mmCIF file of all heavy atoms, coordinates in Angstrom:
data_MODEL
# 
_entry.id   MODEL 
# 
loop_
_atom_site.group_PDB 
_atom_site.id 
_atom_site.type_symbol 
_atom_site.label_atom_id 
_atom_site.label_alt_id 
_atom_site.label_comp_id 
_atom_site.label_asym_id 
_atom_site.label_entity_id 
_atom_site.label_seq_id 
_atom_site.pdbx_PDB_ins_code 
_atom_site.Cartn_x 
_atom_site.Cartn_y 
_atom_site.Cartn_z 
_atom_site.occupancy 
_atom_site.B_iso_or_equiv 
_atom_site.pdbx_formal_charge 
_atom_site.auth_seq_id 
_atom_site.auth_comp_id 
_atom_site.auth_asym_id 
_atom_site.auth_atom_id 
_atom_site.pdbx_PDB_model_num 
ATOM 1   N N   . ALA A 1 1  ? -15.834 -31.436 -78.295 1.00 0.00 ? 1  ALA A N   1 
ATOM 2   C CA  . ALA A 1 1  ? -15.598 -30.336 -79.235 1.00 0.00 ? 1  ALA A CA  1 
ATOM 3   C C   . ALA A 1 1  ? -16.910 -29.854 -79.835 1.00 0.00 ? 1  ALA A C   1 
ATOM 4   O O   . ALA A 1 1  ? -17.155 -28.644 -79.944 1.00 0.00 ? 1  ALA A O   1 
ATOM 5   C CB  . ALA A 1 1  ? -14.647 -30.792 -80.340 1.00 0.00 ? 1  ALA A CB  1 
ATOM 6   N N   . GLU A 1 2  ? -17.766 -30.793 -80.218 1.00 0.00 ? 2  GLU A N   1 
ATOM 7   C CA  . GLU A 1 2  ? -19.057 -30.423 -80.808 1.00 0.00 ? 2  GLU A CA  1 
ATOM 8   C C   . GLU A 1 2  ? -19.893 -29.625 -79.813 1.00 0.00 ? 2  GLU A C   1 
ATOM 9   O O   . GLU A 1 2  ? -20.503 -28.603 -80.167 1.00 0.00 ? 2  GLU A O   1 
ATOM 10  C CB  . GLU A 1 2  ? -19.808 -31.681 -81.238 1.00 0.00 ? 2  GLU A CB  1 
ATOM 11  C CG  . GLU A 1 2  ? -21.152 -31.379 -81.889 1.00 0.00 ? 2  GLU A CG  1 
ATOM 12  C CD  . GLU A 1 2  ? -21.929 -32.628 -82.220 1.00 0.00 ? 2  GLU A CD  1 
ATOM 13  O OE1 . GLU A 1 2  ? -21.556 -33.719 -81.750 1.00 0.00 ? 2  GLU A OE1 1 
ATOM 14  O OE2 . GLU A 1 2  ? -22.947 -32.517 -82.948 1.00 0.00 ? 2  GLU A OE2 1 
ATOM 15  N N   . LYS A 1 3  ? -19.929 -30.066 -78.566 1.00 0.00 ? 3  LYS A N   1 
ATOM 16  C CA  . LYS A 1 3  ? -20.708 -29.355 -77.544 1.00 0.00 ? 3  LYS A CA  1 
ATOM 17  C C   . LYS A 1 3  ? -20.214 -27.917 -77.369 1.00 0.00 ? 3  LYS A C   1 
ATOM 18  O O   . LYS A 1 3  ? -21.011 -26.982 -77.281 1.00 0.00 ? 3  LYS A O   1 
ATOM 19  C CB  . LYS A 1 3  ? -20.624 -30.106 -76.210 1.00 0.00 ? 3  LYS A CB  1 
ATOM 20  C CG  . LYS A 1 3  ? -21.399 -31.411 -76.188 1.00 0.00 ? 3  LYS A CG  1 
ATOM 21  C CD  . LYS A 1 3  ? -21.253 -32.099 -74.843 1.00 0.00 ? 3  LYS A CD  1 
ATOM 22  C CE  . LYS A 1 3  ? -22.015 -33.427 -74.809 1.00 0.00 ? 3  LYS A CE  1 
ATOM 23  N NZ  . LYS A 1 3  ? -21.837 -34.132 -73.514 1.00 0.00 ? 3  LYS A NZ  1 
ATOM 24  N N   . CYS A 1 4  ? -18.898 -27.752 -77.332 1.00 0.00 ? 4  CYS A N   1 
ATOM 25  C CA  . CYS A 1 4  ? -18.328 -26.409 -77.147 1.00 0.00 ? 4  CYS A CA  1 
ATOM 26  C C   . CYS A 1 4  ? -18.614 -25.508 -78.349 1.00 0.00 ? 4  CYS A C   1 
ATOM 27  O O   . CYS A 1 4  ? -18.946 -24.327 -78.181 1.00 0.00 ? 4  CYS A O   1 
ATOM 28  C CB  . CYS A 1 4  ? -16.826 -26.508 -76.916 1.00 0.00 ? 4  CYS A CB  1 
ATOM 29  S SG  . CYS A 1 4  ? -16.358 -27.216 -75.325 1.00 0.00 ? 4  CYS A SG  1 
ATOM 30  N N   . LEU A 1 5  ? -18.485 -26.037 -79.549 1.00 0.00 ? 5  LEU A N   1 
ATOM 31  C CA  . LEU A 1 5  ? -18.739 -25.239 -80.747 1.00 0.00 ? 5  LEU A CA  1 
ATOM 32  C C   . LEU A 1 5  ? -20.215 -24.872 -80.858 1.00 0.00 ? 5  LEU A C   1 
ATOM 33  O O   . LEU A 1 5  ? -20.547 -23.762 -81.320 1.00 0.00 ? 5  LEU A O   1 
ATOM 34  C CB  . LEU A 1 5  ? -18.281 -25.997 -81.991 1.00 0.00 ? 5  LEU A CB  1 
ATOM 35  C CG  . LEU A 1 5  ? -16.762 -26.213 -82.112 1.00 0.00 ? 5  LEU A CG  1 
ATOM 36  C CD1 . LEU A 1 5  ? -16.435 -27.078 -83.315 1.00 0.00 ? 5  LEU A CD1 1 
ATOM 37  C CD2 . LEU A 1 5  ? -16.022 -24.880 -82.194 1.00 0.00 ? 5  LEU A CD2 1 
ATOM 38  N N   . ILE A 1 6  ? -21.096 -25.774 -80.447 1.00 0.00 ? 6  ILE A N   1 
ATOM 39  C CA  . ILE A 1 6  ? -22.528 -25.456 -80.447 1.00 0.00 ? 6  ILE A CA  1 
ATOM 40  C C   . ILE A 1 6  ? -22.830 -24.372 -79.406 1.00 0.00 ? 6  ILE A C   1 
ATOM 41  O O   . ILE A 1 6  ? -23.617 -23.444 -79.661 1.00 0.00 ? 6  ILE A O   1 
ATOM 42  C CB  . ILE A 1 6  ? -23.360 -26.725 -80.182 1.00 0.00 ? 6  ILE A CB  1 
ATOM 43  C CG1 . ILE A 1 6  ? -23.293 -27.641 -81.406 1.00 0.00 ? 6  ILE A CG1 1 
ATOM 44  C CG2 . ILE A 1 6  ? -24.809 -26.378 -79.861 1.00 0.00 ? 6  ILE A CG2 1 
ATOM 45  C CD1 . ILE A 1 6  ? -23.947 -28.988 -81.199 1.00 0.00 ? 6  ILE A CD1 1 
ATOM 46  N N   . ARG A 1 7  ? -22.205 -24.459 -78.243 1.00 0.00 ? 7  ARG A N   1 
ATOM 47  C CA  . ARG A 1 7  ? -22.404 -23.431 -77.219 1.00 0.00 ? 7  ARG A CA  1 
ATOM 48  C C   . ARG A 1 7  ? -21.857 -22.080 -77.690 1.00 0.00 ? 7  ARG A C   1 
ATOM 49  O O   . ARG A 1 7  ? -22.448 -21.036 -77.413 1.00 0.00 ? 7  ARG A O   1 
ATOM 50  C CB  . ARG A 1 7  ? -21.739 -23.852 -75.903 1.00 0.00 ? 7  ARG A CB  1 
ATOM 51  C CG  . ARG A 1 7  ? -22.376 -25.080 -75.278 1.00 0.00 ? 7  ARG A CG  1 
ATOM 52  C CD  . ARG A 1 7  ? -21.906 -25.304 -73.858 1.00 0.00 ? 7  ARG A CD  1 
ATOM 53  N NE  . ARG A 1 7  ? -22.452 -24.300 -72.952 1.00 0.00 ? 7  ARG A NE  1 
ATOM 54  C CZ  . ARG A 1 7  ? -22.334 -24.349 -71.632 1.00 0.00 ? 7  ARG A CZ  1 
ATOM 55  N NH1 . ARG A 1 7  ? -21.688 -25.361 -71.067 1.00 0.00 ? 7  ARG A NH1 1 
ATOM 56  N NH2 . ARG A 1 7  ? -22.857 -23.411 -70.876 1.00 0.00 ? 7  ARG A NH2 1 
ATOM 57  N N   . SER A 1 8  ? -20.748 -22.117 -78.420 1.00 0.00 ? 8  SER A N   1 
ATOM 58  C CA  . SER A 1 8  ? -20.207 -20.888 -79.005 1.00 0.00 ? 8  SER A CA  1 
ATOM 59  C C   . SER A 1 8  ? -21.221 -20.265 -79.952 1.00 0.00 ? 8  SER A C   1 
ATOM 60  O O   . SER A 1 8  ? -21.424 -19.053 -79.946 1.00 0.00 ? 8  SER A O   1 
ATOM 61  C CB  . SER A 1 8  ? -18.906 -21.199 -79.742 1.00 0.00 ? 8  SER A CB  1 
ATOM 62  O OG  . SER A 1 8  ? -18.437 -20.069 -80.445 1.00 0.00 ? 8  SER A OG  1 
ATOM 63  N N   . ARG A 1 9  ? -21.859 -21.098 -80.766 1.00 0.00 ? 9  ARG A N   1 
ATOM 64  C CA  . ARG A 1 9  ? -22.881 -20.601 -81.704 1.00 0.00 ? 9  ARG A CA  1 
ATOM 65  C C   . ARG A 1 9  ? -24.081 -20.041 -80.960 1.00 0.00 ? 9  ARG A C   1 
ATOM 66  O O   . ARG A 1 9  ? -24.637 -18.998 -81.335 1.00 0.00 ? 9  ARG A O   1 
ATOM 67  C CB  . ARG A 1 9  ? -23.323 -21.740 -82.608 1.00 0.00 ? 9  ARG A CB  1 
ATOM 68  C CG  . ARG A 1 9  ? -24.413 -21.364 -83.606 1.00 0.00 ? 9  ARG A CG  1 
ATOM 69  C CD  . ARG A 1 9  ? -25.118 -22.604 -84.114 1.00 0.00 ? 9  ARG A CD  1 
ATOM 70  N NE  . ARG A 1 9  ? -25.841 -23.284 -83.038 1.00 0.00 ? 9  ARG A NE  1 
ATOM 71  C CZ  . ARG A 1 9  ? -26.356 -24.502 -83.160 1.00 0.00 ? 9  ARG A CZ  1 
ATOM 72  N NH1 . ARG A 1 9  ? -26.197 -25.195 -84.274 1.00 0.00 ? 9  ARG A NH1 1 
ATOM 73  N NH2 . ARG A 1 9  ? -27.012 -25.051 -82.133 1.00 0.00 ? 9  ARG A NH2 1 
ATOM 74  N N   . ASN A 1 10 ? -24.509 -20.708 -79.886 1.00 0.00 ? 10 ASN A N   1 
ATOM 75  C CA  . ASN A 1 10 ? -25.717 -20.297 -79.172 1.00 0.00 ? 10 ASN A CA  1 
ATOM 76  C C   . ASN A 1 10 ? -25.564 -18.981 -78.427 1.00 0.00 ? 10 ASN A C   1 
ATOM 77  O O   . ASN A 1 10 ? -26.559 -18.297 -78.177 1.00 0.00 ? 10 ASN A O   1 
ATOM 78  C CB  . ASN A 1 10 ? -26.139 -21.397 -78.186 1.00 0.00 ? 10 ASN A CB  1 
ATOM 79  C CG  . ASN A 1 10 ? -26.661 -22.637 -78.885 1.00 0.00 ? 10 ASN A CG  1 
ATOM 80  O OD1 . ASN A 1 10 ? -27.075 -22.573 -80.041 1.00 0.00 ? 10 ASN A OD1 1 
ATOM 81  N ND2 . ASN A 1 10 ? -26.624 -23.764 -78.200 1.00 0.00 ? 10 ASN A ND2 1 
ATOM 82  N N   . VAL A 1 11 ? -24.351 -18.637 -78.038 1.00 0.00 ? 11 VAL A N   1 
ATOM 83  C CA  . VAL A 1 11 ? -24.151 -17.365 -77.322 1.00 0.00 ? 11 VAL A CA  1 
ATOM 84  C C   . VAL A 1 11 ? -24.498 -16.189 -78.229 1.00 0.00 ? 11 VAL A C   1 
ATOM 85  O O   . VAL A 1 11 ? -25.185 -15.245 -77.811 1.00 0.00 ? 11 VAL A O   1 
ATOM 86  C CB  . VAL A 1 11 ? -22.703 -17.242 -76.810 1.00 0.00 ? 11 VAL A CB  1 
ATOM 87  C CG1 . VAL A 1 11 ? -22.461 -15.851 -76.222 1.00 0.00 ? 11 VAL A CG1 1 
ATOM 88  C CG2 . VAL A 1 11 ? -22.423 -18.303 -75.756 1.00 0.00 ? 11 VAL A CG2 1 
ATOM 89  N N   . LEU A 1 12 ? -24.025 -16.237 -79.483 1.00 0.00 ? 12 LEU A N   1 
ATOM 90  C CA  . LEU A 1 12 ? -24.311 -15.178 -80.451 1.00 0.00 ? 12 LEU A CA  1 
ATOM 91  C C   . LEU A 1 12 ? -24.666 -15.819 -81.796 1.00 0.00 ? 12 LEU A C   1 
ATOM 92  O O   . LEU A 1 12 ? -23.812 -15.937 -82.682 1.00 0.00 ? 12 LEU A O   1 
ATOM 93  C CB  . LEU A 1 12 ? -23.103 -14.246 -80.616 1.00 0.00 ? 12 LEU A CB  1 
ATOM 94  C CG  . LEU A 1 12 ? -22.821 -13.251 -79.501 1.00 0.00 ? 12 LEU A CG  1 
ATOM 95  C CD1 . LEU A 1 12 ? -21.534 -12.491 -79.771 1.00 0.00 ? 12 LEU A CD1 1 
ATOM 96  C CD2 . LEU A 1 12 ? -23.978 -12.273 -79.346 1.00 0.00 ? 12 LEU A CD2 1 
ATOM 97  N N   . PRO A 1 13 ? -25.904 -16.223 -81.971 1.00 0.00 ? 13 PRO A N   1 
ATOM 98  C CA  . PRO A 1 13 ? -26.275 -16.933 -83.201 1.00 0.00 ? 13 PRO A CA  1 
ATOM 99  C C   . PRO A 1 13 ? -26.254 -16.070 -84.457 1.00 0.00 ? 13 PRO A C   1 
ATOM 100 O O   . PRO A 1 13 ? -26.354 -16.604 -85.557 1.00 0.00 ? 13 PRO A O   1 
ATOM 101 C CB  . PRO A 1 13 ? -27.696 -17.434 -82.899 1.00 0.00 ? 13 PRO A CB  1 
ATOM 102 C CG  . PRO A 1 13 ? -28.202 -16.552 -81.815 1.00 0.00 ? 13 PRO A CG  1 
ATOM 103 C CD  . PRO A 1 13 ? -27.012 -16.164 -81.011 1.00 0.00 ? 13 PRO A CD  1 
ATOM 104 N N   . ILE A 1 14 ? -26.117 -14.755 -84.306 1.00 0.00 ? 14 ILE A N   1 
ATOM 105 C CA  . ILE A 1 14 ? -26.057 -13.895 -85.486 1.00 0.00 ? 14 ILE A CA  1 
ATOM 106 C C   . ILE A 1 14 ? -24.710 -14.008 -86.201 1.00 0.00 ? 14 ILE A C   1 
ATOM 107 O O   . ILE A 1 14 ? -24.588 -13.692 -87.387 1.00 0.00 ? 14 ILE A O   1 
ATOM 108 C CB  . ILE A 1 14 ? -26.321 -12.413 -85.085 1.00 0.00 ? 14 ILE A CB  1 
ATOM 109 C CG1 . ILE A 1 14 ? -26.597 -11.537 -86.318 1.00 0.00 ? 14 ILE A CG1 1 
ATOM 110 C CG2 . ILE A 1 14 ? -25.144 -11.860 -84.298 1.00 0.00 ? 14 ILE A CG2 1 
ATOM 111 C CD1 . ILE A 1 14 ? -27.841 -11.878 -87.054 1.00 0.00 ? 14 ILE A CD1 1 
ATOM 112 N N   . ARG A 1 15 ? -23.676 -14.493 -85.482 1.00 0.00 ? 15 ARG A N   1 
ATOM 113 C CA  . ARG A 1 15 ? -22.339 -14.584 -86.058 1.00 0.00 ? 15 ARG A CA  1 
ATOM 114 C C   . ARG A 1 15 ? -22.243 -15.781 -87.015 1.00 0.00 ? 15 ARG A C   1 
ATOM 115 O O   . ARG A 1 15 ? -22.369 -16.934 -86.602 1.00 0.00 ? 15 ARG A O   1 
ATOM 116 C CB  . ARG A 1 15 ? -21.290 -14.725 -84.950 1.00 0.00 ? 15 ARG A CB  1 
ATOM 117 C CG  . ARG A 1 15 ? -21.273 -13.566 -83.959 1.00 0.00 ? 15 ARG A CG  1 
ATOM 118 C CD  . ARG A 1 15 ? -20.580 -12.362 -84.528 1.00 0.00 ? 15 ARG A CD  1 
ATOM 119 N NE  . ARG A 1 15 ? -20.627 -11.227 -83.623 1.00 0.00 ? 15 ARG A NE  1 
ATOM 120 C CZ  . ARG A 1 15 ? -19.759 -11.006 -82.643 1.00 0.00 ? 15 ARG A CZ  1 
ATOM 121 N NH1 . ARG A 1 15 ? -18.777 -11.867 -82.446 1.00 0.00 ? 15 ARG A NH1 1 
ATOM 122 N NH2 . ARG A 1 15 ? -19.868 -9.943  -81.878 1.00 0.00 ? 15 ARG A NH2 1 
ATOM 123 N N   . ILE A 1 16 ? -22.013 -15.503 -88.270 1.00 0.00 ? 16 ILE A N   1 
ATOM 124 C CA  . ILE A 1 16 ? -21.961 -16.547 -89.295 1.00 0.00 ? 16 ILE A CA  1 
ATOM 125 C C   . ILE A 1 16 ? -20.729 -17.433 -89.123 1.00 0.00 ? 16 ILE A C   1 
ATOM 126 O O   . ILE A 1 16 ? -20.742 -18.614 -89.489 1.00 0.00 ? 16 ILE A O   1 
ATOM 127 C CB  . ILE A 1 16 ? -22.002 -15.897 -90.692 1.00 0.00 ? 16 ILE A CB  1 
ATOM 128 C CG1 . ILE A 1 16 ? -23.387 -15.271 -90.920 1.00 0.00 ? 16 ILE A CG1 1 
ATOM 129 C CG2 . ILE A 1 16 ? -21.688 -16.899 -91.801 1.00 0.00 ? 16 ILE A CG2 1 
ATOM 130 C CD1 . ILE A 1 16 ? -23.542 -14.546 -92.218 1.00 0.00 ? 16 ILE A CD1 1 
ATOM 131 N N   . TYR A 1 17 ? -19.684 -16.896 -88.529 1.00 0.00 ? 17 TYR A N   1 
ATOM 132 C CA  . TYR A 1 17 ? -18.450 -17.670 -88.388 1.00 0.00 ? 17 TYR A CA  1 
ATOM 133 C C   . TYR A 1 17 ? -18.672 -18.961 -87.588 1.00 0.00 ? 17 TYR A C   1 
ATOM 134 O O   . TYR A 1 17 ? -18.045 -19.987 -87.872 1.00 0.00 ? 17 TYR A O   1 
ATOM 135 C CB  . TYR A 1 17 ? -17.375 -16.812 -87.704 1.00 0.00 ? 17 TYR A CB  1 
ATOM 136 C CG  . TYR A 1 17 ? -16.022 -17.486 -87.649 1.00 0.00 ? 17 TYR A CG  1 
ATOM 137 C CD1 . TYR A 1 17 ? -15.243 -17.610 -88.790 1.00 0.00 ? 17 TYR A CD1 1 
ATOM 138 C CD2 . TYR A 1 17 ? -15.541 -18.018 -86.461 1.00 0.00 ? 17 TYR A CD2 1 
ATOM 139 C CE1 . TYR A 1 17 ? -14.008 -18.252 -88.752 1.00 0.00 ? 17 TYR A CE1 1 
ATOM 140 C CE2 . TYR A 1 17 ? -14.312 -18.649 -86.406 1.00 0.00 ? 17 TYR A CE2 1 
ATOM 141 C CZ  . TYR A 1 17 ? -13.550 -18.755 -87.551 1.00 0.00 ? 17 TYR A CZ  1 
ATOM 142 O OH  . TYR A 1 17 ? -12.333 -19.390 -87.503 1.00 0.00 ? 17 TYR A OH  1 
ATOM 143 N N   . SER A 1 18 ? -19.567 -18.922 -86.619 1.00 0.00 ? 18 SER A N   1 
ATOM 144 C CA  . SER A 1 18 ? -19.839 -20.118 -85.809 1.00 0.00 ? 18 SER A CA  1 
ATOM 145 C C   . SER A 1 18 ? -20.389 -21.248 -86.676 1.00 0.00 ? 18 SER A C   1 
ATOM 146 O O   . SER A 1 18 ? -19.996 -22.412 -86.528 1.00 0.00 ? 18 SER A O   1 
ATOM 147 C CB  . SER A 1 18 ? -20.840 -19.786 -84.704 1.00 0.00 ? 18 SER A CB  1 
ATOM 148 O OG  . SER A 1 18 ? -20.332 -18.794 -83.844 1.00 0.00 ? 18 SER A OG  1 
ATOM 149 N N   . TYR A 1 19 ? -21.285 -20.910 -87.583 1.00 0.00 ? 19 TYR A N   1 
ATOM 150 C CA  . TYR A 1 19 ? -21.850 -21.930 -88.492 1.00 0.00 ? 19 TYR A CA  1 
ATOM 151 C C   . TYR A 1 19 ? -20.789 -22.423 -89.478 1.00 0.00 ? 19 TYR A C   1 
ATOM 152 O O   . TYR A 1 19 ? -20.789 -23.600 -89.860 1.00 0.00 ? 19 TYR A O   1 
ATOM 153 C CB  . TYR A 1 19 ? -23.041 -21.344 -89.246 1.00 0.00 ? 19 TYR A CB  1 
ATOM 154 C CG  . TYR A 1 19 ? -24.144 -20.871 -88.339 1.00 0.00 ? 19 TYR A CG  1 
ATOM 155 C CD1 . TYR A 1 19 ? -24.241 -19.529 -87.967 1.00 0.00 ? 19 TYR A CD1 1 
ATOM 156 C CD2 . TYR A 1 19 ? -25.085 -21.755 -87.829 1.00 0.00 ? 19 TYR A CD2 1 
ATOM 157 C CE1 . TYR A 1 19 ? -25.248 -19.081 -87.133 1.00 0.00 ? 19 TYR A CE1 1 
ATOM 158 C CE2 . TYR A 1 19 ? -26.107 -21.319 -86.983 1.00 0.00 ? 19 TYR A CE2 1 
ATOM 159 C CZ  . TYR A 1 19 ? -26.173 -19.977 -86.641 1.00 0.00 ? 19 TYR A CZ  1 
ATOM 160 O OH  . TYR A 1 19 ? -27.178 -19.533 -85.802 1.00 0.00 ? 19 TYR A OH  1 
ATOM 161 N N   . TYR A 1 20 ? -19.905 -21.532 -89.869 1.00 0.00 ? 20 TYR A N   1 
ATOM 162 C CA  . TYR A 1 20 ? -18.816 -21.904 -90.777 1.00 0.00 ? 20 TYR A CA  1 
ATOM 163 C C   . TYR A 1 20 ? -17.891 -22.944 -90.125 1.00 0.00 ? 20 TYR A C   1 
ATOM 164 O O   . TYR A 1 20 ? -17.527 -23.947 -90.745 1.00 0.00 ? 20 TYR A O   1 
ATOM 165 C CB  . TYR A 1 20 ? -18.035 -20.650 -91.163 1.00 0.00 ? 20 TYR A CB  1 
ATOM 166 C CG  . TYR A 1 20 ? -16.747 -20.907 -91.899 1.00 0.00 ? 20 TYR A CG  1 
ATOM 167 C CD1 . TYR A 1 20 ? -16.741 -21.388 -93.203 1.00 0.00 ? 20 TYR A CD1 1 
ATOM 168 C CD2 . TYR A 1 20 ? -15.518 -20.668 -91.273 1.00 0.00 ? 20 TYR A CD2 1 
ATOM 169 C CE1 . TYR A 1 20 ? -15.546 -21.620 -93.881 1.00 0.00 ? 20 TYR A CE1 1 
ATOM 170 C CE2 . TYR A 1 20 ? -14.327 -20.894 -91.935 1.00 0.00 ? 20 TYR A CE2 1 
ATOM 171 C CZ  . TYR A 1 20 ? -14.351 -21.376 -93.240 1.00 0.00 ? 20 TYR A CZ  1 
ATOM 172 O OH  . TYR A 1 20 ? -13.170 -21.613 -93.897 1.00 0.00 ? 20 TYR A OH  1 
ATOM 173 N N   . VAL A 1 21 ? -17.541 -22.706 -88.863 1.00 0.00 ? 21 VAL A N   1 
ATOM 174 C CA  . VAL A 1 21 ? -16.678 -23.647 -88.136 1.00 0.00 ? 21 VAL A CA  1 
ATOM 175 C C   . VAL A 1 21 ? -17.378 -24.994 -87.959 1.00 0.00 ? 21 VAL A C   1 
ATOM 176 O O   . VAL A 1 21 ? -16.769 -26.059 -88.129 1.00 0.00 ? 21 VAL A O   1 
ATOM 177 C CB  . VAL A 1 21 ? -16.263 -23.063 -86.775 1.00 0.00 ? 21 VAL A CB  1 
ATOM 178 C CG1 . VAL A 1 21 ? -15.479 -24.088 -85.959 1.00 0.00 ? 21 VAL A CG1 1 
ATOM 179 C CG2 . VAL A 1 21 ? -15.420 -21.809 -86.965 1.00 0.00 ? 21 VAL A CG2 1 
ATOM 180 N N   . LEU A 1 22 ? -18.667 -24.963 -87.635 1.00 0.00 ? 22 LEU A N   1 
ATOM 181 C CA  . LEU A 1 22 ? -19.415 -26.212 -87.479 1.00 0.00 ? 22 LEU A CA  1 
ATOM 182 C C   . LEU A 1 22 ? -19.520 -26.972 -88.806 1.00 0.00 ? 22 LEU A C   1 
ATOM 183 O O   . LEU A 1 22 ? -19.483 -28.203 -88.828 1.00 0.00 ? 22 LEU A O   1 
ATOM 184 C CB  . LEU A 1 22 ? -20.810 -25.915 -86.920 1.00 0.00 ? 22 LEU A CB  1 
ATOM 185 C CG  . LEU A 1 22 ? -20.875 -25.673 -85.412 1.00 0.00 ? 22 LEU A CG  1 
ATOM 186 C CD1 . LEU A 1 22 ? -22.234 -25.105 -85.019 1.00 0.00 ? 22 LEU A CD1 1 
ATOM 187 C CD2 . LEU A 1 22 ? -20.591 -26.958 -84.635 1.00 0.00 ? 22 LEU A CD2 1 
ATOM 188 N N   . THR A 1 23 ? -19.636 -26.242 -89.905 1.00 0.00 ? 23 THR A N   1 
ATOM 189 C CA  . THR A 1 23 ? -19.657 -26.896 -91.222 1.00 0.00 ? 23 THR A CA  1 
ATOM 190 C C   . THR A 1 23 ? -18.356 -27.650 -91.458 1.00 0.00 ? 23 THR A C   1 
ATOM 191 O O   . THR A 1 23 ? -18.352 -28.812 -91.893 1.00 0.00 ? 23 THR A O   1 
ATOM 192 C CB  . THR A 1 23 ? -19.870 -25.847 -92.338 1.00 0.00 ? 23 THR A CB  1 
ATOM 193 O OG1 . THR A 1 23 ? -21.082 -25.133 -92.099 1.00 0.00 ? 23 THR A OG1 1 
ATOM 194 C CG2 . THR A 1 23 ? -19.939 -26.515 -93.702 1.00 0.00 ? 23 THR A CG2 1 
ATOM 195 N N   . LYS A 1 24 ? -17.241 -27.001 -91.161 1.00 0.00 ? 24 LYS A N   1 
ATOM 196 C CA  . LYS A 1 24 ? -15.942 -27.655 -91.323 1.00 0.00 ? 24 LYS A CA  1 
ATOM 197 C C   . LYS A 1 24 ? -15.795 -28.841 -90.358 1.00 0.00 ? 24 LYS A C   1 
ATOM 198 O O   . LYS A 1 24 ? -15.219 -29.873 -90.706 1.00 0.00 ? 24 LYS A O   1 
ATOM 199 C CB  . LYS A 1 24 ? -14.826 -26.646 -91.085 1.00 0.00 ? 24 LYS A CB  1 
ATOM 200 C CG  . LYS A 1 24 ? -14.725 -25.561 -92.155 1.00 0.00 ? 24 LYS A CG  1 
ATOM 201 C CD  . LYS A 1 24 ? -13.666 -24.534 -91.830 1.00 0.00 ? 24 LYS A CD  1 
ATOM 202 C CE  . LYS A 1 24 ? -12.284 -25.152 -91.810 1.00 0.00 ? 24 LYS A CE  1 
ATOM 203 N NZ  . LYS A 1 24 ? -11.237 -24.142 -91.528 1.00 0.00 ? 24 LYS A NZ  1 
ATOM 204 N N   . PHE A 1 25 ? -16.327 -28.678 -89.144 1.00 0.00 ? 25 PHE A N   1 
ATOM 205 C CA  . PHE A 1 25 ? -16.232 -29.745 -88.149 1.00 0.00 ? 25 PHE A CA  1 
ATOM 206 C C   . PHE A 1 25 ? -16.984 -30.992 -88.629 1.00 0.00 ? 25 PHE A C   1 
ATOM 207 O O   . PHE A 1 25 ? -16.459 -32.119 -88.563 1.00 0.00 ? 25 PHE A O   1 
ATOM 208 C CB  . PHE A 1 25 ? -16.802 -29.258 -86.816 1.00 0.00 ? 25 PHE A CB  1 
ATOM 209 C CG  . PHE A 1 25 ? -16.841 -30.312 -85.745 1.00 0.00 ? 25 PHE A CG  1 
ATOM 210 C CD1 . PHE A 1 25 ? -15.699 -30.645 -85.043 1.00 0.00 ? 25 PHE A CD1 1 
ATOM 211 C CD2 . PHE A 1 25 ? -18.030 -30.980 -85.453 1.00 0.00 ? 25 PHE A CD2 1 
ATOM 212 C CE1 . PHE A 1 25 ? -15.734 -31.627 -84.058 1.00 0.00 ? 25 PHE A CE1 1 
ATOM 213 C CE2 . PHE A 1 25 ? -18.074 -31.954 -84.465 1.00 0.00 ? 25 PHE A CE2 1 
ATOM 214 C CZ  . PHE A 1 25 ? -16.919 -32.277 -83.776 1.00 0.00 ? 25 PHE A CZ  1 
ATOM 215 N N   . TYR A 1 26 ? -18.225 -30.792 -89.104 1.00 0.00 ? 26 TYR A N   1 
ATOM 216 C CA  . TYR A 1 26 ? -19.020 -31.942 -89.543 1.00 0.00 ? 26 TYR A CA  1 
ATOM 217 C C   . TYR A 1 26 ? -18.512 -32.528 -90.862 1.00 0.00 ? 26 TYR A C   1 
ATOM 218 O O   . TYR A 1 26 ? -18.877 -33.656 -91.210 1.00 0.00 ? 26 TYR A O   1 
ATOM 219 C CB  . TYR A 1 26 ? -20.489 -31.541 -89.680 1.00 0.00 ? 26 TYR A CB  1 
ATOM 220 C CG  . TYR A 1 26 ? -21.145 -31.235 -88.362 1.00 0.00 ? 26 TYR A CG  1 
ATOM 221 C CD1 . TYR A 1 26 ? -21.818 -30.023 -88.149 1.00 0.00 ? 26 TYR A CD1 1 
ATOM 222 C CD2 . TYR A 1 26 ? -21.103 -32.138 -87.313 1.00 0.00 ? 26 TYR A CD2 1 
ATOM 223 C CE1 . TYR A 1 26 ? -22.428 -29.732 -86.938 1.00 0.00 ? 26 TYR A CE1 1 
ATOM 224 C CE2 . TYR A 1 26 ? -21.704 -31.856 -86.082 1.00 0.00 ? 26 TYR A CE2 1 
ATOM 225 C CZ  . TYR A 1 26 ? -22.359 -30.653 -85.910 1.00 0.00 ? 26 TYR A CZ  1 
ATOM 226 O OH  . TYR A 1 26 ? -22.957 -30.367 -84.703 1.00 0.00 ? 26 TYR A OH  1 
ATOM 227 N N   . ALA A 1 27 ? -17.681 -31.763 -91.579 1.00 0.00 ? 27 ALA A N   1 
ATOM 228 C CA  . ALA A 1 27 ? -17.090 -32.277 -92.809 1.00 0.00 ? 27 ALA A CA  1 
ATOM 229 C C   . ALA A 1 27 ? -15.806 -33.065 -92.551 1.00 0.00 ? 27 ALA A C   1 
ATOM 230 O O   . ALA A 1 27 ? -15.299 -33.743 -93.453 1.00 0.00 ? 27 ALA A O   1 
ATOM 231 C CB  . ALA A 1 27 ? -16.798 -31.116 -93.772 1.00 0.00 ? 27 ALA A CB  1 
# 
């Protein structure tokens, strides 16, 4: 799951939602 969410972030790093999801994931 972490790998997929990081890849989602890397495709479009300008999208803040990706960082938001990762914050919830690591929490």
